[in-house]
Amino acid sequence: MAGSRALGRGFGWLWAAYGASTLGTWLAFDAFPLVAILALHAGPAQVSALAAAGLAVGAAVALPLGPWVEFRRKRPVMVAMDLVRFAALLSVPVAYALGLLGFGQLLAVSVVVAACDITFKAAAGACLKSLVRPEDLLVANGRFESTTWTASVLGPPLGGVAIGVLGPVTTVLANAVSFLLSAVGIRAIGGQEPRPVRTGAPRMRAGDLLEGWRYILAHRTLRPLFFNTVLNNGLVMATAPVLAALMLGDLGFAPWQYGLAFGIACLGGLLGSRLAGPLATRFGQHRVMVASGTLRACWSVGLGFVRPGVAGLVLVIAVEFALITCSGVFNPVYATYRLARTEDDRVARTLSAWSVTSSATIAAMTAVWGLLAAAAGPRTAIAIAGLLLLATPLLLPWRDDDRTASYERDLAPRSA
């Protein structure tokens, strides 16, 4: 089976590192909003502002790092980003234990973590492409996606219980340790990573900052995919703090119930990630990407009708399960499609530009939806986002190009 074939020792360590950090991240699912709500008694507007400002400033900080990463060895960059995230996150439980934790520190740490996340992802995409063969990219991305959703099933419920028993910063500490373990795993990949050769000017120029966007916008299929994913993710993530404040505040759900709802729903992501490879082999990557990208936009509007009690909890689980199942199919196919169509010497800059835009868009939309929730109520804000999501499939690359078709024909015999 394609999903069970060996991808080499180097990929094994990269996968282990990814698993460690992903589990830590999902243990700390919405950790900063929860800390702000439970420890600092912040309201919906403050929680949204925290998420928005951290992402926006983090994206600005990360902006020059994409071109810089392109011409550096990727693994040392990844290790450095892990260690910085470890130190930044560790400061939160330390400050909380000393009675010094404040909103400003949460904001500063969120900025550092956001910038490191973008830089790490840019380097990781290039690292993955160098470690596995082109025909194995979908298998590798499918394993990452399965790991993500497995962690998302286990992490939020365990994190919710840990917060209830041990306090609101417990999962932040666990997340910090996970990045330390990730750094160890990446360091263990071993081997000599060649230094990328710069073919242009010897120093980074101002124009290099825009190279990733120029490449995306000039590409016939990456361009619509870029706009679709940025807007879809922005609308989905903008409502996350609002939904958290609604469920944990107005509706009176306990942290463990909030975590349980999303943990159960994330089983859909595990299911979707397991289906992605077989579906792409049978129907082609492009068709599966467009179909799943359309379906994932159809569900979020239902979250505007959530109510207290068991019925409300079931509604959240059902809507999130459907959305996450479709995303579980879409994400590995989209990640493979994007990597395969990005030239090797443009990967870090392209992924960095993509992540910077996504983070900035999420930040802007999160701020707007926080204000909208304060003015019109959280349910109205969530419902409006759901209605806007219904239009995002129009931005998908509905027509494929000849390069895509030939690429998939080349891979089909090897993937069977």
Protein backbone atom coordinates (compact mmCIF):
# COMPACT_ATOMS: atom_id res chain seq x y z
CA MET A 1 0.00 0.00 0.00
CA ALA A 2 1.21 3.54 -0.78
CA GLY A 3 0.45 4.76 2.71
CA SER A 4 2.64 2.09 4.34
CA ARG A 5 5.78 2.32 2.19
CA ALA A 6 9.03 3.42 3.80
CA LEU A 7 10.15 6.97 3.12
CA GLY A 8 13.59 6.76 4.71
CA ARG A 9 15.27 7.42 8.04
CA GLY A 10 15.41 11.18 7.54
CA PHE A 11 11.68 11.44 6.97
CA GLY A 12 11.10 9.19 10.00
CA TRP A 13 12.86 11.68 12.30
CA LEU A 14 11.10 14.63 10.67
CA TRP A 15 7.77 12.87 11.19
CA ALA A 16 8.63 12.13 14.84
CA ALA A 17 9.55 15.77 15.42
CA TYR A 18 6.33 16.87 13.75
CA GLY A 19 4.34 14.46 15.91
CA ALA A 20 5.86 15.76 19.15
CA SER A 21 5.24 19.43 18.39
CA THR A 22 1.77 18.76 16.96
CA LEU A 23 0.66 16.88 20.05
CA GLY A 24 1.92 19.71 22.22
CA THR A 25 0.12 22.28 20.09
CA TRP A 26 -3.18 20.41 20.31
CA LEU A 27 -2.80 19.84 24.04
CA ALA A 28 -2.62 23.63 24.19
CA PHE A 29 -5.57 24.08 21.83
CA ASP A 30 -6.75 27.71 22.24
CA ALA A 31 -4.46 27.92 25.28
CA PHE A 32 -3.94 31.68 25.17
CA PRO A 33 -7.67 32.50 24.83
CA LEU A 34 -8.37 30.07 27.68
CA VAL A 35 -5.64 31.63 29.86
CA ALA A 36 -6.95 35.10 29.04
CA ILE A 37 -10.54 34.09 29.87
CA LEU A 38 -9.90 31.94 32.95
CA ALA A 39 -6.86 33.63 34.51
CA LEU A 40 -7.16 37.24 33.34
CA HIS A 41 -10.97 37.39 32.98
CA ALA A 42 -10.81 38.80 29.44
CA GLY A 43 -13.95 39.26 27.33
CA PRO A 44 -14.61 38.35 23.67
CA ALA A 45 -13.14 41.60 22.30
CA GLN A 46 -9.91 41.20 24.31
CA VAL A 47 -9.59 37.54 23.36
CA SER A 48 -10.02 38.36 19.68
CA ALA A 49 -7.57 41.26 19.97
CA LEU A 50 -4.99 38.93 21.54
CA ALA A 51 -5.29 36.44 18.69
CA ALA A 52 -5.34 39.14 16.01
CA ALA A 53 -2.43 41.23 17.27
CA GLY A 54 -0.20 38.23 17.84
CA LEU A 55 -0.74 36.94 14.31
CA ALA A 56 -0.44 40.35 12.65
CA VAL A 57 2.78 41.43 14.35
CA GLY A 58 4.17 37.90 14.08
CA ALA A 59 3.56 37.96 10.33
CA ALA A 60 5.31 41.33 10.04
CA VAL A 61 8.30 40.03 12.00
CA ALA A 62 8.47 36.92 9.82
CA LEU A 63 8.26 38.87 6.55
CA PRO A 64 12.04 39.22 5.94
CA LEU A 65 12.76 35.72 7.24
CA GLY A 66 11.32 33.90 4.19
CA PRO A 67 13.97 35.13 1.74
CA TRP A 68 16.62 34.68 4.43
CA VAL A 69 15.58 31.04 4.98
CA GLU A 70 15.67 30.29 1.24
CA PHE A 71 19.46 30.57 1.19
CA ARG A 72 20.19 28.88 4.53
CA ARG A 73 20.34 25.22 5.53
CA LYS A 74 16.81 24.41 6.55
CA ARG A 75 17.30 22.07 9.49
CA PRO A 76 19.36 24.49 11.64
CA VAL A 77 16.69 27.12 11.03
CA MET A 78 13.98 24.69 12.14
CA VAL A 79 15.89 23.77 15.30
CA ALA A 80 16.43 27.44 16.13
CA MET A 81 12.70 28.21 15.69
CA ASP A 82 11.79 25.30 17.97
CA LEU A 83 14.16 26.49 20.69
CA VAL A 84 12.88 30.07 20.52
CA ARG A 85 9.29 28.83 20.82
CA PHE A 86 10.29 26.65 23.77
CA ALA A 87 11.81 29.59 25.63
CA ALA A 88 8.96 31.98 24.85
CA LEU A 89 6.21 29.58 25.91
CA LEU A 90 8.09 28.54 29.04
CA SER A 91 7.99 32.15 30.24
CA VAL A 92 4.18 31.99 30.60
CA PRO A 93 3.91 29.32 33.34
CA VAL A 94 6.96 30.82 35.06
CA ALA A 95 5.31 34.25 35.19
CA TYR A 96 2.00 32.72 36.27
CA ALA A 97 3.68 30.86 39.14
CA LEU A 98 5.28 34.12 40.30
CA GLY A 99 2.00 36.02 40.05
CA LEU A 100 3.37 38.27 37.29
CA LEU A 101 1.45 37.07 34.24
CA GLY A 102 -0.33 39.83 32.35
CA PHE A 103 -2.09 40.46 29.07
CA GLY A 104 1.00 42.17 27.63
CA GLN A 105 3.17 39.10 28.14
CA LEU A 106 0.61 36.84 26.47
CA LEU A 107 0.61 39.24 23.54
CA ALA A 108 4.42 39.32 23.29
CA VAL A 109 4.70 35.53 23.44
CA SER A 110 1.99 35.10 20.82
CA VAL A 111 3.95 37.41 18.49
CA VAL A 112 7.17 35.43 18.92
CA VAL A 113 5.43 32.09 18.45
CA ALA A 114 3.56 33.31 15.36
CA ALA A 115 6.76 34.56 13.71
CA CYS A 116 8.57 31.31 14.51
CA ASP A 117 5.64 29.25 13.20
CA ILE A 118 5.76 30.97 9.81
CA THR A 119 9.54 30.67 9.53
CA PHE A 120 9.52 27.02 10.63
CA LYS A 121 6.84 26.09 8.08
CA ALA A 122 8.74 27.77 5.26
CA ALA A 123 11.88 25.82 6.11
CA ALA A 124 9.98 22.57 6.75
CA GLY A 125 8.36 22.56 3.31
CA ALA A 126 11.74 22.83 1.61
CA CYS A 127 13.18 20.22 3.98
CA LEU A 128 10.40 17.75 3.17
CA LYS A 129 10.85 18.23 -0.56
CA SER A 130 14.57 17.43 -0.19
CA LEU A 131 13.98 14.31 1.93
CA VAL A 132 11.37 12.43 -0.13
CA ARG A 133 10.86 11.70 -3.81
CA PRO A 134 8.25 13.72 -5.73
CA GLU A 135 5.99 10.67 -6.06
CA ASP A 136 6.05 10.24 -2.26
CA LEU A 137 5.00 13.78 -1.36
CA LEU A 138 1.30 12.91 -1.07
CA VAL A 139 2.13 9.90 1.13
CA ALA A 140 4.31 12.09 3.37
CA ASN A 141 1.72 14.87 3.60
CA GLY A 142 -0.97 12.29 4.29
CA ARG A 143 1.05 11.02 7.25
CA PHE A 144 1.49 14.53 8.57
CA GLU A 145 -2.23 15.15 8.21
CA SER A 146 -3.10 11.88 9.99
CA THR A 147 -0.73 12.83 12.79
CA THR A 148 -2.33 16.26 13.05
CA TRP A 149 -5.81 14.89 13.43
CA THR A 150 -4.78 12.08 15.76
CA ALA A 151 -3.21 14.71 18.00
CA SER A 152 -6.29 16.88 17.64
CA VAL A 153 -8.51 14.02 18.81
CA LEU A 154 -6.37 13.33 21.88
CA GLY A 155 -5.06 16.79 22.66
CA PRO A 156 -8.07 19.05 23.40
CA PRO A 157 -9.84 16.62 25.79
CA LEU A 158 -6.60 15.88 27.62
CA GLY A 159 -5.73 19.55 27.65
CA GLY A 160 -9.17 20.46 28.97
CA VAL A 161 -8.83 17.95 31.80
CA ALA A 162 -5.30 19.16 32.57
CA ILE A 163 -6.50 22.77 32.77
CA GLY A 164 -9.39 21.78 35.03
CA VAL A 165 -7.15 19.80 37.39
CA LEU A 166 -3.79 21.58 37.27
CA GLY A 167 -4.59 25.13 36.21
CA PRO A 168 -4.87 27.26 33.06
CA VAL A 169 -1.16 27.36 32.07
CA THR A 170 -0.51 23.62 32.27
CA THR A 171 -0.94 23.03 28.55
CA VAL A 172 1.30 25.99 27.70
CA LEU A 173 4.11 24.24 29.59
CA ALA A 174 3.41 20.97 27.74
CA ASN A 175 3.51 22.81 24.42
CA ALA A 176 6.87 24.36 25.32
CA VAL A 177 8.36 20.94 26.06
CA SER A 178 6.99 19.59 22.77
CA PHE A 179 9.05 22.11 20.81
CA LEU A 180 12.16 21.04 22.68
CA LEU A 181 11.46 17.44 21.66
CA SER A 182 10.87 18.56 18.09
CA ALA A 183 14.29 20.24 18.02
CA VAL A 184 15.90 17.00 19.19
CA GLY A 185 14.11 15.02 16.46
CA ILE A 186 15.14 17.39 13.68
CA ARG A 187 18.73 17.38 14.91
CA ALA A 188 18.67 13.56 14.75
CA ILE A 189 17.93 13.53 10.99
CA GLY A 190 21.70 13.65 10.47
CA GLY A 191 23.55 13.65 7.21
CA GLN A 192 25.10 16.63 5.51
CA GLU A 193 22.56 19.16 4.31
CA PRO A 194 24.02 21.11 1.39
CA ARG A 195 24.00 24.88 1.60
CA PRO A 196 21.68 26.40 -1.02
CA VAL A 197 23.49 28.31 -3.75
CA ARG A 198 22.31 31.84 -4.40
CA THR A 199 22.23 32.51 -8.13
CA GLY A 200 21.41 36.21 -7.96
CA ALA A 201 22.81 39.06 -5.91
CA PRO A 202 25.05 37.99 -3.01
CA ARG A 203 23.01 39.92 -0.45
CA MET A 204 19.30 39.94 0.23
CA ARG A 205 17.61 42.78 -1.64
CA ALA A 206 14.36 44.59 -0.89
CA GLY A 207 12.84 42.89 -3.93
CA ASP A 208 13.46 39.47 -2.39
CA LEU A 209 10.79 40.22 0.20
CA LEU A 210 8.17 40.22 -2.56
CA GLU A 211 9.48 37.30 -4.61
CA GLY A 212 7.16 34.76 -3.00
CA TRP A 213 4.07 36.82 -3.81
CA ARG A 214 5.27 37.52 -7.35
CA TYR A 215 5.73 33.80 -7.93
CA ILE A 216 2.28 32.92 -6.56
CA LEU A 217 0.41 35.65 -8.41
CA ALA A 218 2.07 34.80 -11.73
CA HIS A 219 1.15 31.10 -11.43
CA ARG A 220 -2.12 30.16 -13.11
CA THR A 221 -3.19 27.50 -10.61
CA LEU A 222 -1.40 28.58 -7.43
CA ARG A 223 -2.95 32.06 -7.62
CA PRO A 224 -6.64 31.05 -7.17
CA LEU A 225 -5.66 28.38 -4.66
CA PHE A 226 -3.79 31.03 -2.67
CA PHE A 227 -6.82 33.34 -2.46
CA ASN A 228 -9.17 30.47 -1.63
CA THR A 229 -7.11 29.04 1.22
CA VAL A 230 -6.24 32.44 2.71
CA LEU A 231 -9.88 33.58 2.82
CA ASN A 232 -11.27 30.22 3.93
CA ASN A 233 -8.77 29.88 6.77
CA GLY A 234 -9.27 33.52 7.75
CA LEU A 235 -13.04 33.15 8.08
CA VAL A 236 -12.81 29.84 9.95
CA MET A 237 -10.13 31.00 12.38
CA ALA A 238 -11.67 34.45 12.95
CA THR A 239 -14.66 32.83 14.64
CA ALA A 240 -12.63 30.48 16.88
CA PRO A 241 -12.09 32.99 19.74
CA VAL A 242 -15.70 34.15 19.41
CA LEU A 243 -16.97 30.56 19.64
CA ALA A 244 -14.67 29.90 22.61
CA ALA A 245 -15.96 32.96 24.45
CA LEU A 246 -19.57 32.02 23.58
CA MET A 247 -19.28 28.42 24.75
CA LEU A 248 -17.16 29.05 27.86
CA GLY A 249 -18.89 32.30 28.79
CA ASP A 250 -22.50 32.88 27.77
CA LEU A 251 -23.42 29.21 27.30
CA GLY A 252 -21.65 27.95 30.43
CA PHE A 253 -19.78 24.98 28.97
CA ALA A 254 -16.89 23.69 31.09
CA PRO A 255 -13.35 23.62 29.60
CA TRP A 256 -13.45 19.82 29.40
CA GLN A 257 -16.72 19.96 27.42
CA TYR A 258 -15.23 22.51 25.05
CA GLY A 259 -12.17 20.31 24.53
CA LEU A 260 -14.25 17.15 24.20
CA ALA A 261 -16.43 18.70 21.49
CA PHE A 262 -13.47 19.47 19.27
CA GLY A 263 -11.62 16.27 20.15
CA ILE A 264 -14.52 14.12 18.94
CA ALA A 265 -15.03 16.28 15.84
CA CYS A 266 -11.37 15.88 14.91
CA LEU A 267 -11.92 12.17 14.33
CA GLY A 268 -13.28 13.42 11.03
CA GLY A 269 -9.87 14.84 10.16
CA LEU A 270 -8.25 11.48 10.79
CA LEU A 271 -10.85 9.84 8.56
CA GLY A 272 -10.38 12.44 5.83
CA SER A 273 -6.59 12.20 5.86
CA ARG A 274 -6.81 8.42 5.43
CA LEU A 275 -9.15 8.86 2.45
CA ALA A 276 -7.09 11.57 0.72
CA GLY A 277 -4.51 9.27 -0.90
CA PRO A 278 -6.92 6.64 -2.27
CA LEU A 279 -9.29 9.33 -3.54
CA ALA A 280 -6.48 11.23 -5.26
CA THR A 281 -5.19 8.02 -6.86
CA ARG A 282 -8.63 7.16 -8.21
CA PHE A 283 -9.95 10.59 -9.25
CA GLY A 284 -6.83 12.74 -9.55
CA GLN A 285 -5.43 15.33 -7.17
CA HIS A 286 -7.10 18.29 -8.83
CA ARG A 287 -10.64 16.87 -8.76
CA VAL A 288 -10.32 15.78 -5.13
CA MET A 289 -8.87 19.13 -4.11
CA VAL A 290 -11.69 21.09 -5.74
CA ALA A 291 -14.45 18.79 -4.42
CA SER A 292 -13.18 18.71 -0.84
CA GLY A 293 -12.35 22.42 -0.95
CA THR A 294 -15.96 23.14 -1.93
CA LEU A 295 -17.50 20.84 0.68
CA ARG A 296 -15.43 22.23 3.56
CA ALA A 297 -17.05 25.64 3.07
CA CYS A 298 -20.60 24.37 3.58
CA TRP A 299 -20.82 23.72 7.30
CA SER A 300 -19.68 26.62 9.51
CA VAL A 301 -22.92 28.57 9.21
CA GLY A 302 -24.51 25.95 11.49
CA LEU A 303 -22.39 27.12 14.43
CA GLY A 304 -24.51 30.27 14.60
CA PHE A 305 -27.34 28.18 16.05
CA VAL A 306 -25.48 26.66 19.01
CA ARG A 307 -27.41 26.61 22.29
CA PRO A 308 -26.66 25.57 25.90
CA GLY A 309 -26.80 21.98 27.03
CA VAL A 310 -26.41 18.63 25.31
CA ALA A 311 -28.16 19.72 22.11
CA GLY A 312 -25.75 22.59 21.64
CA LEU A 313 -22.74 20.37 22.29
CA VAL A 314 -23.98 17.80 19.75
CA LEU A 315 -24.52 20.54 17.16
CA VAL A 316 -20.95 21.81 17.58
CA ILE A 317 -19.58 18.27 17.28
CA ALA A 318 -21.64 17.50 14.15
CA VAL A 319 -20.77 20.72 12.32
CA GLU A 320 -17.09 20.55 13.20
CA PHE A 321 -16.93 16.84 12.29
CA ALA A 322 -18.27 17.53 8.79
CA LEU A 323 -16.00 20.53 8.24
CA ILE A 324 -12.91 18.80 9.56
CA THR A 325 -13.51 15.62 7.54
CA CYS A 326 -13.55 17.67 4.34
CA SER A 327 -10.47 19.57 5.49
CA GLY A 328 -8.72 16.30 6.26
CA VAL A 329 -9.10 15.30 2.63
CA PHE A 330 -8.28 18.75 1.25
CA ASN A 331 -5.16 19.62 3.26
CA PRO A 332 -2.68 16.89 2.22
CA VAL A 333 -3.79 17.04 -1.42
CA TYR A 334 -3.50 20.83 -1.46
CA ALA A 335 -0.10 20.75 0.30
CA THR A 336 1.22 18.22 -2.22
CA TYR A 337 -0.26 20.10 -5.17
CA ARG A 338 1.36 23.33 -3.97
CA LEU A 339 4.80 21.82 -3.31
CA ALA A 340 4.88 19.94 -6.60
CA ARG A 341 4.18 23.11 -8.55
CA THR A 342 6.69 25.30 -6.75
CA GLU A 343 10.25 25.41 -8.08
CA ASP A 344 12.86 24.11 -5.62
CA ASP A 345 14.61 27.47 -5.30
CA ARG A 346 11.32 29.24 -4.54
CA VAL A 347 9.82 26.93 -1.91
CA ALA A 348 10.81 28.81 1.27
CA ARG A 349 9.87 32.21 -0.11
CA THR A 350 6.59 30.95 -1.55
CA LEU A 351 5.54 29.16 1.64
CA SER A 352 6.63 32.12 3.74
CA ALA A 353 4.59 34.55 1.61
CA TRP A 354 1.62 32.18 1.81
CA SER A 355 1.88 31.89 5.60
CA VAL A 356 2.48 35.61 6.16
CA THR A 357 -0.61 36.46 4.10
CA SER A 358 -2.67 33.82 5.86
CA SER A 359 -1.59 35.00 9.31
CA ALA A 360 -2.20 38.65 8.47
CA THR A 361 -5.62 37.84 7.04
CA ILE A 362 -6.56 35.76 10.07
CA ALA A 363 -5.38 38.59 12.32
CA ALA A 364 -7.42 41.22 10.48
CA MET A 365 -10.53 39.06 10.33
CA THR A 366 -10.18 38.02 13.96
CA ALA A 367 -10.06 41.67 15.02
CA VAL A 368 -13.08 42.51 12.86
CA TRP A 369 -15.06 39.54 14.11
CA GLY A 370 -14.23 40.40 17.71
CA LEU A 371 -15.72 43.85 17.18
CA LEU A 372 -18.66 42.36 15.29
CA ALA A 373 -19.32 39.92 18.13
CA ALA A 374 -19.22 42.75 20.66
CA ALA A 375 -21.64 44.85 18.58
CA ALA A 376 -24.08 42.25 17.21
CA GLY A 377 -23.53 39.23 19.44
CA PRO A 378 -21.33 36.17 18.98
CA ARG A 379 -23.98 34.04 17.25
CA THR A 380 -24.57 36.69 14.60
CA ALA A 381 -20.84 37.10 14.00
CA ILE A 382 -20.38 33.35 13.60
CA ALA A 383 -23.36 33.06 11.24
CA ILE A 384 -22.08 35.90 9.01
CA ALA A 385 -18.70 34.18 8.69
CA GLY A 386 -20.46 30.95 7.76
CA LEU A 387 -22.45 32.68 5.02
CA LEU A 388 -19.32 34.29 3.57
CA LEU A 389 -17.56 30.91 3.55
CA LEU A 390 -20.19 29.62 1.14
CA ALA A 391 -18.73 31.91 -1.54
CA THR A 392 -15.07 30.86 -1.15
CA PRO A 393 -15.27 27.82 -3.51
CA LEU A 394 -15.62 30.30 -6.38
CA LEU A 395 -11.91 31.08 -5.87
CA LEU A 396 -10.71 27.49 -6.28
CA PRO A 397 -8.68 26.61 -9.43
CA TRP A 398 -11.59 24.95 -11.22
CA ARG A 399 -9.60 24.52 -14.42
CA ASP A 400 -6.37 22.57 -14.21
CA ASP A 401 -3.36 23.19 -16.42
CA ASP A 402 -1.46 20.78 -18.66
CA ARG A 403 1.41 20.56 -16.21
CA THR A 404 -0.90 19.25 -13.50
CA ALA A 405 -2.40 16.61 -15.75
CA SER A 406 0.97 15.37 -16.97
CA TYR A 407 2.33 15.35 -13.42
CA GLU A 408 -0.50 13.16 -12.20
CA ARG A 409 -0.17 10.80 -15.17
CA ASP A 410 3.53 10.42 -14.37
CA LEU A 411 2.83 9.57 -10.74
CA ALA A 412 -0.18 7.32 -11.23
CA PRO A 413 1.72 4.08 -12.00
CA ARG A 414 4.04 4.59 -9.03
CA SER A 415 1.21 5.37 -6.63
CA ALA A 416 -0.91 2.38 -7.55
